[in-house]
Protein backbone atom coordinates (compact mmCIF):
# COMPACT_ATOMS: atom_id res chain seq x y z
CA UNK A 1 0.00 0.00 0.00
CA UNK A 2 1.16 3.50 -0.73
CA UNK A 3 -1.01 5.72 1.49
CA UNK A 4 -3.99 5.77 3.82
CA UNK A 5 -7.15 6.15 1.76
CA UNK A 6 -9.63 6.81 4.58
CA UNK A 7 -9.55 9.59 7.20
CA UNK A 8 -12.17 10.90 9.63
CA UNK A 9 -10.32 13.68 11.46
CA UNK A 10 -8.77 16.88 10.14
CA UNK A 11 -5.25 17.77 11.22
CA UNK A 12 -6.64 20.57 13.39
CA UNK A 13 -9.01 18.14 15.11
CA UNK A 14 -6.15 15.71 15.80
CA UNK A 15 -4.12 18.57 17.29
CA UNK A 16 -7.05 19.53 19.53
CA UNK A 17 -7.44 15.93 20.78
CA UNK A 18 -3.68 15.79 21.41
CA UNK A 19 -3.68 19.04 23.37
CA UNK A 20 -6.68 17.95 25.45
CA UNK A 21 -4.96 14.62 26.20
CA UNK A 22 -1.94 16.55 27.45
CA UNK A 23 -4.22 18.51 29.79
CA UNK A 24 -5.64 15.25 31.13
CA UNK A 25 -2.16 13.87 31.81
CA UNK A 26 -0.90 17.13 33.33
CA UNK A 27 -3.90 17.98 35.53
CA UNK A 28 -5.71 14.67 36.20
CA UNK A 29 -2.94 12.11 35.72
CA UNK A 30 -3.00 8.31 35.72
CA UNK A 31 -3.19 5.89 38.63
CA UNK A 32 -0.52 3.18 38.62
CA UNK A 33 -0.51 0.29 41.08
CA UNK A 34 3.25 -0.21 40.79
CA UNK A 35 5.95 1.34 42.96
CA UNK A 36 8.68 0.86 40.34
CA UNK A 37 6.60 2.50 37.61
CA UNK A 38 5.80 5.47 39.86
CA UNK A 39 9.47 5.84 40.74
CA UNK A 40 10.47 5.76 37.05
CA UNK A 41 7.95 8.50 36.26
CA UNK A 42 8.99 10.56 39.28
CA UNK A 43 12.66 10.39 38.34
CA UNK A 44 11.73 11.25 34.75
CA UNK A 45 10.04 14.51 35.76
CA UNK A 46 6.41 13.58 36.50
CA UNK A 47 4.63 14.81 39.64
CA UNK A 48 3.90 11.65 41.61
CA UNK A 49 1.76 11.21 44.71
CA UNK A 50 3.00 7.88 46.02
CA UNK A 51 0.14 7.70 48.53
CA UNK A 52 -2.67 7.94 45.97
CA UNK A 53 -0.47 6.30 43.27
CA UNK A 54 -1.38 9.07 40.81
CA UNK A 55 1.23 10.44 38.41
CA UNK A 56 0.68 13.74 36.59
CA UNK A 57 2.82 13.86 33.46
CA UNK A 58 4.03 17.21 32.05
CA UNK A 59 3.73 18.06 28.39
CA UNK A 60 7.49 18.27 27.90
CA UNK A 61 7.94 14.66 29.04
CA UNK A 62 5.26 13.46 26.61
CA UNK A 63 6.76 15.38 23.70
CA UNK A 64 10.23 14.07 24.48
CA UNK A 65 8.89 10.49 24.53
CA UNK A 66 7.18 11.01 21.18
CA UNK A 67 10.45 12.23 19.66
CA UNK A 68 12.30 9.16 20.92
CA UNK A 69 9.81 6.63 19.49
CA UNK A 70 10.78 5.08 16.11
CA UNK A 71 8.50 5.71 13.16
CA UNK A 72 8.45 2.04 12.21
CA UNK A 73 9.78 -1.36 13.23
CA UNK A 74 9.78 -4.93 11.96
CA UNK A 75 8.85 -8.38 13.22
CA UNK A 76 10.46 -11.44 11.69
CA UNK A 77 9.46 -15.05 11.25
CA UNK A 78 11.41 -17.44 13.45
CA UNK A 79 13.31 -18.78 10.46
CA UNK A 80 14.22 -15.20 9.46
CA UNK A 81 12.78 -15.58 5.95
CA UNK A 82 9.80 -13.23 6.30
CA UNK A 83 9.47 -9.71 7.67
CA UNK A 84 6.47 -7.59 8.67
CA UNK A 85 7.33 -3.91 8.54
CA UNK A 86 4.93 -1.95 10.73
CA UNK A 87 4.76 1.64 9.57
CA UNK A 88 3.50 3.83 6.77
CA UNK A 89 0.36 2.33 5.27
CA UNK A 90 1.46 -1.34 5.41
CA UNK A 91 -1.32 -3.61 6.69
CA UNK A 92 -0.98 -7.03 8.33
CA UNK A 93 -3.52 -9.31 10.00
CA UNK A 94 -3.47 -11.68 12.95
CA UNK A 95 -6.24 -13.55 14.80
CA UNK A 96 -8.00 -12.10 17.79
CA UNK A 97 -6.55 -13.04 21.15
CA UNK A 98 -7.52 -14.88 24.36
CA UNK A 99 -10.90 -16.28 23.41
CA UNK A 100 -12.44 -18.25 26.26
CA UNK A 101 -14.58 -20.29 23.86
CA UNK A 102 -14.24 -21.88 20.44
CA UNK A 103 -16.89 -22.85 17.93
CA UNK A 104 -16.79 -26.64 17.85
CA UNK A 105 -16.10 -27.81 14.30
CA UNK A 106 -18.57 -30.70 14.53
CA UNK A 107 -21.48 -29.32 16.57
CA UNK A 108 -20.97 -25.60 15.73
CA UNK A 109 -21.67 -24.87 19.39
CA UNK A 110 -19.44 -22.77 21.64
CA UNK A 111 -17.32 -24.73 24.12
CA UNK A 112 -14.12 -24.34 26.14
CA UNK A 113 -10.98 -24.92 24.02
CA UNK A 114 -8.36 -27.58 24.73
CA UNK A 115 -4.67 -27.72 23.80
CA UNK A 116 -5.32 -29.79 20.67
CA UNK A 117 -7.90 -27.26 19.49
CA UNK A 118 -5.40 -24.44 19.82
CA UNK A 119 -2.65 -26.43 18.11
CA UNK A 120 -4.99 -27.06 15.16
CA UNK A 121 -5.95 -23.39 15.09
CA UNK A 122 -2.27 -22.37 14.99
CA UNK A 123 -1.62 -24.79 12.12
CA UNK A 124 -4.59 -23.36 10.21
CA UNK A 125 -3.31 -19.82 10.81
CA UNK A 126 0.13 -20.92 9.64
CA UNK A 127 -1.37 -22.01 6.31
CA UNK A 128 -3.49 -18.90 5.62
CA UNK A 129 -1.87 -16.50 3.18
CA UNK A 130 -3.38 -13.26 4.48
CA UNK A 131 -3.01 -14.00 8.20
CA UNK A 132 0.53 -12.75 8.69
CA UNK A 133 1.17 -13.37 12.38
CA UNK A 134 0.12 -15.71 15.16
CA UNK A 135 -1.63 -14.68 18.37
CA UNK A 136 -2.38 -16.48 21.60
CA UNK A 137 -5.88 -16.85 20.23
CA UNK A 138 -7.45 -19.24 22.73
CA UNK A 139 -7.36 -19.65 26.50
CA UNK A 140 -6.91 -23.42 26.76
CA UNK A 141 -8.53 -25.04 29.80
CA UNK A 142 -6.61 -28.31 30.15
CA UNK A 143 -3.54 -26.71 31.77
CA UNK A 144 -3.31 -24.67 35.00
CA UNK A 145 -4.52 -21.13 34.33
CA UNK A 146 -1.44 -19.68 36.06
CA UNK A 147 0.80 -20.86 33.20
CA UNK A 148 -1.70 -20.49 30.34
CA UNK A 149 0.20 -17.52 28.86
CA UNK A 150 3.42 -19.53 28.54
CA UNK A 151 1.70 -22.71 27.39
CA UNK A 152 -0.05 -20.94 24.52
CA UNK A 153 3.28 -19.56 23.30
CA UNK A 154 4.75 -23.05 23.62
CA UNK A 155 2.04 -24.44 21.32
CA UNK A 156 2.66 -21.69 18.76
CA UNK A 157 6.41 -22.25 18.71
CA UNK A 158 5.91 -25.95 18.02
CA UNK A 159 3.40 -25.39 15.21
CA UNK A 160 4.34 -22.24 13.29
CA UNK A 161 7.29 -20.04 12.28
CA UNK A 162 5.17 -16.90 11.87
CA UNK A 163 5.81 -13.92 14.17
CA UNK A 164 3.79 -13.81 17.39
CA UNK A 165 1.70 -11.02 18.92
CA UNK A 166 0.75 -11.83 22.51
CA UNK A 167 0.63 -10.75 26.14
CA UNK A 168 1.26 -12.19 29.58
CA UNK A 169 -1.15 -12.76 32.45
CA UNK A 170 1.55 -12.65 35.12
CA UNK A 171 4.81 -10.86 35.92
CA UNK A 172 6.73 -14.15 35.89
CA UNK A 173 5.11 -15.18 32.62
CA UNK A 174 6.89 -12.52 30.58
CA UNK A 175 10.31 -13.71 31.77
CA UNK A 176 9.47 -17.34 30.94
CA UNK A 177 8.15 -16.31 27.53
CA UNK A 178 11.36 -14.43 26.83
CA UNK A 179 13.32 -17.59 27.71
CA UNK A 180 11.15 -19.67 25.36
CA UNK A 181 11.67 -17.18 22.53
CA UNK A 182 15.41 -17.26 23.14
CA UNK A 183 15.40 -21.08 22.98
CA UNK A 184 13.48 -21.01 19.68
CA UNK A 185 15.85 -18.43 18.15
CA UNK A 186 19.06 -19.90 19.51
CA UNK A 187 20.36 -16.84 21.36
CA UNK A 188 19.15 -13.67 23.05
CA UNK A 189 20.90 -11.29 20.66
CA UNK A 190 18.68 -12.48 17.79
CA UNK A 191 15.62 -11.65 19.91
CA UNK A 192 16.73 -8.02 19.83
CA UNK A 193 18.23 -7.82 16.32
CA UNK A 194 15.44 -9.78 14.58
CA UNK A 195 12.46 -9.68 16.96
CA UNK A 196 9.72 -12.27 16.25
CA UNK A 197 7.49 -11.14 19.11
CA UNK A 198 5.32 -8.10 19.87
CA UNK A 199 4.37 -7.75 23.54
CA UNK A 200 0.83 -6.56 24.29
CA UNK A 201 0.18 -4.39 27.36
CA UNK A 202 -3.22 -2.92 28.28
CA UNK A 203 -4.07 -0.01 30.59
CA UNK A 204 -7.19 -0.38 32.75
CA UNK A 205 -9.73 2.31 31.85
CA UNK A 206 -10.32 4.92 32.98
CA UNK A 207 -6.74 6.20 33.34
CA UNK A 208 -5.22 3.32 35.32
CA UNK A 209 -2.43 0.76 35.01
CA UNK A 210 -2.51 -2.46 37.01
CA UNK A 211 0.59 -3.82 38.74
CA UNK A 212 0.93 -6.74 36.29
CA UNK A 213 0.52 -4.83 33.02
CA UNK A 214 2.72 -1.92 34.08
CA UNK A 215 5.43 -4.36 35.20
CA UNK A 216 5.09 -6.27 31.90
CA UNK A 217 5.63 -2.96 30.08
CA UNK A 218 8.71 -2.15 32.16
CA UNK A 219 10.23 -5.64 31.86
CA UNK A 220 9.57 -5.83 28.11
CA UNK A 221 11.20 -2.42 27.66
CA UNK A 222 14.24 -3.50 29.72
CA UNK A 223 14.56 -6.50 27.40
CA UNK A 224 14.23 -4.25 24.32
CA UNK A 225 11.07 -6.08 23.19
CA UNK A 226 8.76 -4.10 20.87
CA UNK A 227 5.49 -3.38 22.67
CA UNK A 228 1.91 -2.73 21.60
CA UNK A 229 0.00 -0.46 24.00
CA UNK A 230 -3.71 -1.32 23.82
CA UNK A 231 -6.10 1.00 25.68
CA UNK A 232 -9.55 -0.62 25.81
CA UNK A 233 -12.12 1.92 27.00
CA UNK A 234 -15.84 1.25 26.56
CA UNK A 235 -17.84 4.06 24.96
CA UNK A 236 -20.32 5.33 27.56
CA UNK A 237 -19.08 3.00 30.31
CA UNK A 238 -15.38 3.36 31.11
CA UNK A 239 -14.97 6.31 28.73
CA UNK A 240 -17.13 9.31 27.74
CA UNK A 241 -20.11 8.65 25.46
CA UNK A 242 -18.88 11.14 22.86
CA UNK A 243 -16.41 9.82 20.29
CA UNK A 244 -14.16 12.86 20.74
CA UNK A 245 -14.12 12.44 24.54
CA UNK A 246 -13.36 8.75 24.11
CA UNK A 247 -10.39 9.59 21.87
CA UNK A 248 -9.01 12.06 24.44
CA UNK A 249 -9.05 9.42 27.19
CA UNK A 250 -7.78 6.65 24.90
CA UNK A 251 -4.92 8.88 23.77
CA UNK A 252 -4.02 9.91 27.31
CA UNK A 253 -3.88 6.26 28.40
CA UNK A 254 -1.65 5.40 25.45
CA UNK A 255 0.69 8.34 26.04
CA UNK A 256 1.10 7.45 29.71
CA UNK A 257 2.36 4.00 28.68
CA UNK A 258 4.56 5.48 25.97
CA UNK A 259 6.25 7.77 28.49
CA UNK A 260 7.00 4.84 30.83
CA UNK A 261 8.40 2.79 27.95
CA UNK A 262 10.69 5.54 26.67
CA UNK A 263 11.93 6.39 30.18
CA UNK A 264 12.97 2.75 30.62
CA UNK A 265 14.42 2.23 27.13
CA UNK A 266 14.76 5.36 24.95
CA UNK A 267 14.07 4.48 21.32
CA UNK A 268 12.01 1.37 22.12
CA UNK A 269 9.70 0.39 19.22
CA UNK A 270 6.08 1.01 20.27
CA UNK A 271 2.81 0.41 18.42
CA UNK A 272 -0.12 2.75 19.11
CA UNK A 273 -3.07 0.37 19.33
CA UNK A 274 -6.47 -0.04 20.94
CA UNK A 275 -9.48 -2.26 21.47
CA UNK A 276 -12.51 0.04 21.68
CA UNK A 277 -15.95 -1.30 22.48
CA UNK A 278 -19.45 0.11 22.66
CA UNK A 279 -22.09 -0.69 25.29
CA UNK A 280 -25.41 -1.54 23.67
CA UNK A 281 -27.72 0.21 26.09
CA UNK A 282 -30.61 -2.13 25.21
CA UNK A 283 -28.87 -5.30 26.35
CA UNK A 284 -25.91 -4.15 28.42
CA UNK A 285 -23.53 -5.98 26.06
CA UNK A 286 -19.97 -4.91 25.21
CA UNK A 287 -19.96 -4.74 21.41
CA UNK A 288 -16.92 -4.82 19.13
CA UNK A 289 -18.66 -5.10 15.75
CA UNK A 290 -20.31 -1.66 15.85
CA UNK A 291 -19.50 0.85 13.16
CA UNK A 292 -18.42 3.24 15.95
CA UNK A 293 -15.62 0.82 16.83
CA UNK A 294 -14.40 1.17 13.25
CA UNK A 295 -14.69 4.96 13.46
CA UNK A 296 -12.74 5.16 16.73
CA UNK A 297 -10.04 2.84 15.41
CA UNK A 298 -9.64 4.84 12.21
CA UNK A 299 -9.52 8.09 14.20
CA UNK A 300 -6.87 7.01 16.71
CA UNK A 301 -4.82 5.46 13.89
CA UNK A 302 -4.76 8.96 12.39
CA UNK A 303 -3.44 10.22 15.72
CA UNK A 304 -0.74 7.53 15.55
CA UNK A 305 0.25 8.75 12.09
CA UNK A 306 0.22 12.33 13.45
CA UNK A 307 2.77 11.08 16.00
CA UNK A 308 4.65 9.26 13.19
CA UNK A 309 4.39 5.81 14.75
CA UNK A 310 2.85 2.44 13.79
CA UNK A 311 -0.80 1.73 14.57
CA UNK A 312 -2.83 -1.32 15.52
CA UNK A 313 -6.52 -2.08 16.08
CA UNK A 314 -8.89 -4.86 17.10
CA UNK A 315 -11.21 -5.10 14.09
CA UNK A 316 -12.89 -7.81 12.02
CA UNK A 317 -14.86 -9.23 14.95
CA UNK A 318 -18.57 -9.87 15.36
CA UNK A 319 -21.16 -10.17 18.10
CA UNK A 320 -22.70 -13.28 16.50
CA UNK A 321 -22.56 -16.67 18.18
CA UNK A 322 -22.40 -18.56 14.90
CA UNK A 323 -21.13 -17.83 11.39
CA UNK A 324 -23.92 -16.06 9.52
CA UNK A 325 -24.72 -12.98 7.43
CA UNK A 326 -24.24 -10.57 10.36
CA UNK A 327 -20.81 -12.10 10.93
CA UNK A 328 -19.86 -11.21 7.37
CA UNK A 329 -21.24 -7.67 7.61
CA UNK A 330 -19.43 -6.78 10.84
CA UNK A 331 -16.18 -8.54 9.99
CA UNK A 332 -16.00 -7.01 6.51
CA UNK A 333 -16.67 -3.52 7.87
CA UNK A 334 -13.75 -3.76 10.27
CA UNK A 335 -11.28 -5.44 7.94
CA UNK A 336 -11.98 -3.29 4.87
CA UNK A 337 -12.25 0.06 6.66
CA UNK A 338 -9.18 -0.66 8.79
CA UNK A 339 -7.20 -1.56 5.68
CA UNK A 340 -8.25 1.59 3.83
CA UNK A 341 -7.21 3.61 6.89
CA UNK A 342 -3.74 2.06 6.69
CA UNK A 343 -3.85 0.53 10.18
CA UNK A 344 -0.62 -1.46 10.33
CA UNK A 345 -1.71 -4.38 12.51
CA UNK A 346 -5.34 -5.53 12.46
CA UNK A 347 -6.16 -8.09 15.15
CA UNK A 348 -9.51 -9.87 15.18
CA UNK A 349 -10.05 -12.30 12.28
CA UNK A 350 -11.73 -15.47 13.53
CA UNK A 351 -13.48 -13.88 16.52
CA UNK A 352 -17.14 -14.11 17.44
CA UNK A 353 -19.34 -13.44 20.48
CA UNK A 354 -18.02 -10.10 21.72
CA UNK A 355 -14.32 -11.06 21.37
CA UNK A 356 -14.91 -14.24 23.40
CA UNK A 357 -14.99 -17.06 20.83
CA UNK A 358 -12.71 -18.27 18.04
CA UNK A 359 -14.00 -20.04 14.95
CA UNK A 360 -11.87 -22.03 12.50
CA UNK A 361 -14.42 -21.42 9.76
CA UNK A 362 -14.66 -17.69 10.41
CA UNK A 363 -10.87 -17.41 10.38
CA UNK A 364 -10.78 -19.07 6.96
CA UNK A 365 -13.55 -16.81 5.65
CA UNK A 366 -11.91 -13.73 7.18
CA UNK A 367 -8.67 -14.67 5.43
CA UNK A 368 -10.58 -14.22 2.17
CA UNK A 369 -11.93 -10.83 3.30
CA UNK A 370 -8.39 -9.78 4.25
CA UNK A 371 -7.16 -10.71 0.77
CA UNK A 372 -9.92 -8.68 -0.87
CA UNK A 373 -9.24 -5.70 1.41
CA UNK A 374 -5.53 -5.76 0.59
CA UNK A 375 -6.39 -5.85 -3.12
CA UNK A 376 -8.78 -2.91 -2.73
CA UNK A 377 -6.08 -0.85 -1.05
CA UNK A 378 -3.52 -1.37 -3.82
CA UNK A 379 -3.02 1.54 -6.14
CA UNK A 380 -4.39 1.49 -9.71
CA UNK A 381 -1.24 1.79 -11.79
CA UNK A 382 -1.68 4.15 -14.71
CA UNK A 383 1.07 3.95 -17.33
CA UNK A 384 1.50 3.25 -21.02
CA UNK A 385 1.31 -0.53 -20.57
CA UNK A 386 -1.75 -0.55 -18.30
CA UNK A 387 -3.65 2.03 -20.35
CA UNK A 388 -3.46 -0.50 -23.21
CA UNK A 389 -4.21 2.00 -25.96
CA UNK A 390 -2.37 0.06 -28.67
CA UNK A 391 -4.17 -3.15 -27.70
CA UNK A 392 -7.57 -1.45 -27.76
CA UNK A 393 -6.69 -0.06 -31.19
CA UNK A 394 -5.65 -3.53 -32.38
CA UNK A 395 -8.86 -5.24 -31.21
CA UNK A 396 -11.15 -2.48 -32.34
CA UNK A 397 -14.90 -3.14 -32.36
CA UNK A 398 -15.00 -6.73 -33.62
CA UNK A 399 -12.53 -8.74 -31.51
CA UNK A 400 -12.03 -9.79 -27.90
CA UNK A 401 -9.19 -9.71 -25.40
CA UNK A 402 -9.29 -13.26 -23.99
CA UNK A 403 -6.46 -14.75 -26.07
CA UNK A 404 -4.20 -11.72 -25.96
CA UNK A 405 -0.78 -11.98 -24.28
CA UNK A 406 -1.55 -8.73 -22.44
CA UNK A 407 -4.55 -10.43 -20.80
CA UNK A 408 -2.54 -13.54 -19.88
CA UNK A 409 0.24 -11.41 -18.42
CA UNK A 410 -1.97 -9.06 -16.45
CA UNK A 411 -4.88 -11.09 -15.11
CA UNK A 412 -2.86 -12.65 -12.23
CA UNK A 413 -1.77 -9.13 -11.26
CA UNK A 414 -4.99 -7.18 -11.73
CA UNK A 415 -7.57 -9.77 -10.66
CA UNK A 416 -7.73 -11.08 -7.09
CA UNK A 417 -8.44 -14.84 -7.17
CA UNK A 418 -9.99 -16.11 -3.92
CA UNK A 419 -9.94 -19.69 -2.69
CA UNK A 420 -12.77 -22.16 -3.23
CA UNK A 421 -14.46 -20.81 -0.07
CA UNK A 422 -15.78 -17.96 -2.21
CA UNK A 423 -18.34 -19.14 -4.77
CA UNK A 424 -17.63 -17.90 -8.31
CA UNK A 425 -19.18 -20.84 -10.18
CA UNK A 426 -22.12 -20.89 -12.56
CA UNK A 427 -25.43 -22.20 -11.21
CA UNK A 428 -24.96 -25.57 -12.91
CA UNK A 429 -21.37 -25.91 -11.66
CA UNK A 430 -22.50 -25.01 -8.13
CA UNK A 431 -25.26 -27.62 -8.24
CA UNK A 432 -22.91 -30.33 -9.57
CA UNK A 433 -20.50 -29.71 -6.69
CA UNK A 434 -23.13 -30.10 -3.97
CA UNK A 435 -24.91 -26.73 -3.75
CA UNK A 436 -22.90 -25.87 -0.65
CA UNK A 437 -23.11 -22.55 1.17
CA UNK A 438 -20.16 -20.46 2.36
CA UNK A 439 -19.97 -22.04 5.81
CA UNK A 440 -19.99 -25.55 4.35
CA UNK A 441 -17.22 -24.65 1.92
CA UNK A 442 -15.21 -23.08 4.74
CA UNK A 443 -15.57 -26.26 6.86
CA UNK A 444 -14.33 -28.36 3.96
CA UNK A 445 -11.42 -25.95 3.39
CA UNK A 446 -10.42 -26.13 7.08
CA UNK A 447 -10.60 -29.93 7.14
CA UNK A 448 -8.48 -30.21 4.00
CA UNK A 449 -5.91 -27.68 5.25
CA UNK A 450 -5.49 -29.36 8.63
CA UNK A 451 -5.07 -32.71 6.91
CA UNK A 452 -2.50 -31.53 4.37
CA UNK A 453 -0.59 -28.55 5.80
CA UNK A 454 2.71 -29.34 7.52
CA UNK A 455 4.20 -26.35 9.36
CA UNK A 456 7.94 -25.78 9.44
CA UNK A 457 9.22 -27.69 12.46
CA UNK A 458 11.82 -26.66 15.01
CA UNK A 459 15.22 -28.37 14.91
CA UNK A 460 15.14 -31.50 17.07
CA UNK A 461 17.58 -30.17 19.66
CA UNK A 462 15.67 -26.89 19.96
CA UNK A 463 12.37 -28.70 20.38
CA UNK A 464 13.84 -30.90 23.12
CA UNK A 465 15.15 -27.85 24.99
CA UNK A 466 11.77 -26.13 24.66
CA UNK A 467 9.97 -29.25 25.92
CA UNK A 468 12.32 -29.47 28.89
CA UNK A 469 11.75 -25.82 29.79
CA UNK A 470 7.97 -26.21 29.58
CA UNK A 471 8.20 -29.25 31.86
CA UNK A 472 10.11 -27.09 34.34
CA UNK A 473 7.36 -24.46 34.20
CA UNK A 474 4.73 -27.13 34.93
CA UNK A 475 6.73 -28.40 37.94
CA UNK A 476 6.79 -24.88 39.40
CA UNK A 477 2.96 -24.82 39.55
CA UNK A 478 2.68 -27.96 41.68
C-alpha cells in the first residue's frame, strides 16, 4: 500500500485531541498500582503522589517520549525468511486473542478450548496467506490457568514459524516467555536484532495501570522487546459517550504508557493500538462489531500517524454466536475500513461473540476478506502498458481480449483470485459440486488444510530444549 485512503479527522481536530490529552495527563494524571513504575515516572520529571499512586505527566515529558519513538519497526518469522514492517500504510492481520470459547467444528456450538484445538488453530493460521502473524488466540482449559500464557506460546512455537503477537497474564510469565523465545531463536541477541514477538500491554480504563501490566511494560522495555500499548475503554461506560471524549481518554492512556516505555528504554519500538468497544444500552452488552468501533479505530490510527508511529486495532470481529450474514457484515466492515485507513496491525479475524470465541471457519472466511481488502487498497497503476491503448486499437470493435498476451500477463496481477471458499461458479457448476453454502465450503477448506498442511518444524535439539523448559514451568505450579 502507498497511502492511507480513509480519514475521519482533520489535522486541526487531531491537534485539539492531542492538546486535550496533554491537559488530562498534566492535571488529572494516571493511577498506577506499581511502585517501580511510579518511581520511574517521578525520576523522569512527573509529579507523583506515592500515597494515591497518581502520576501527573508534564507536556514536555510526553513530547520528548514522542520524539524518541521510532516511526516504524519490523517483526520477523522465526526462520528469518519473512518480515512484517509496521509503519506507513502497510497492513498485516493476525487472529483475535484470548478467546475463552471456540466454535466446535462438529457441533458448531461454543465450548471451552483444549490444547489440541489451539494447536490445530495455529496450524490453520500458519497455512493462511493473508493472516501474517500468530496470536495467543485461545485460552486453553486443560492446563493450569497460572501458566496459560506460557503454554499458549509453547504451542505456537511448536506449530508455526510466523511472528507472534501476545501478552502475559503474570509478571513471571513474561520472563518465561522471553526464555522460550530465546530457545526457539538460539540466542538472546537475535531476539533483539530480529524480533519475532510483539508484547501486548493494556491499561485499565479509565486512566489506570494495574501492577501486572505496568510491570510487563517495564520488563519488556528493559529486554528491548517491541510493545503494543492497547487501551480498551468502553464508549459510555469506562470512557465518555462522545467519540471525541473517548479519543481524548484513549490517547491519554496510550501516552502514559509510551512515556513509561521511553523512560525505561529510549528508542524502544512502540505500536499505538487499541481495542474500543461500545455498550449496547438495550442489552448491556460490550460490542466490538459496531461501526463506531471502526470509526474510533480509524480516528486514533490517524493520531498515531500524526505522531509518526505504527498503529494497531482490534477489528474484524462480530457479536454473532455462529457464522452467519451478520458475521460477514461486521467482519468485513472492520477489515476493509481498517485496511483503507492504513492501520498497520489488524487483530480480530476469527473472533465471534463479543471477542470471546474463536472459529476455525470464520478465520478461513476472514482470510478471504483480508485478501480482498488488501487488493482494494492497492493503487491502480496508470502507465502506457496498463492504459493498453495500442491493444484497444488492435482489437477495435469486432474482436475480444481473452487470447491476448496482455490479458494472460496481467490477469494474475490485476484480478484477485480467492480460494474455493468464495463461490464464483455458474449455477450448474454449483449444483454439480453439492450446492454448498459459504460455511460448508469453509468447513471443507479447514478440514483439507489441517489434513495436508505441515508447518515448518523446530530443529530436534531446539524442540527438546523447549519441551524441557515447559516441563520445568509445569513443575513450578505444583
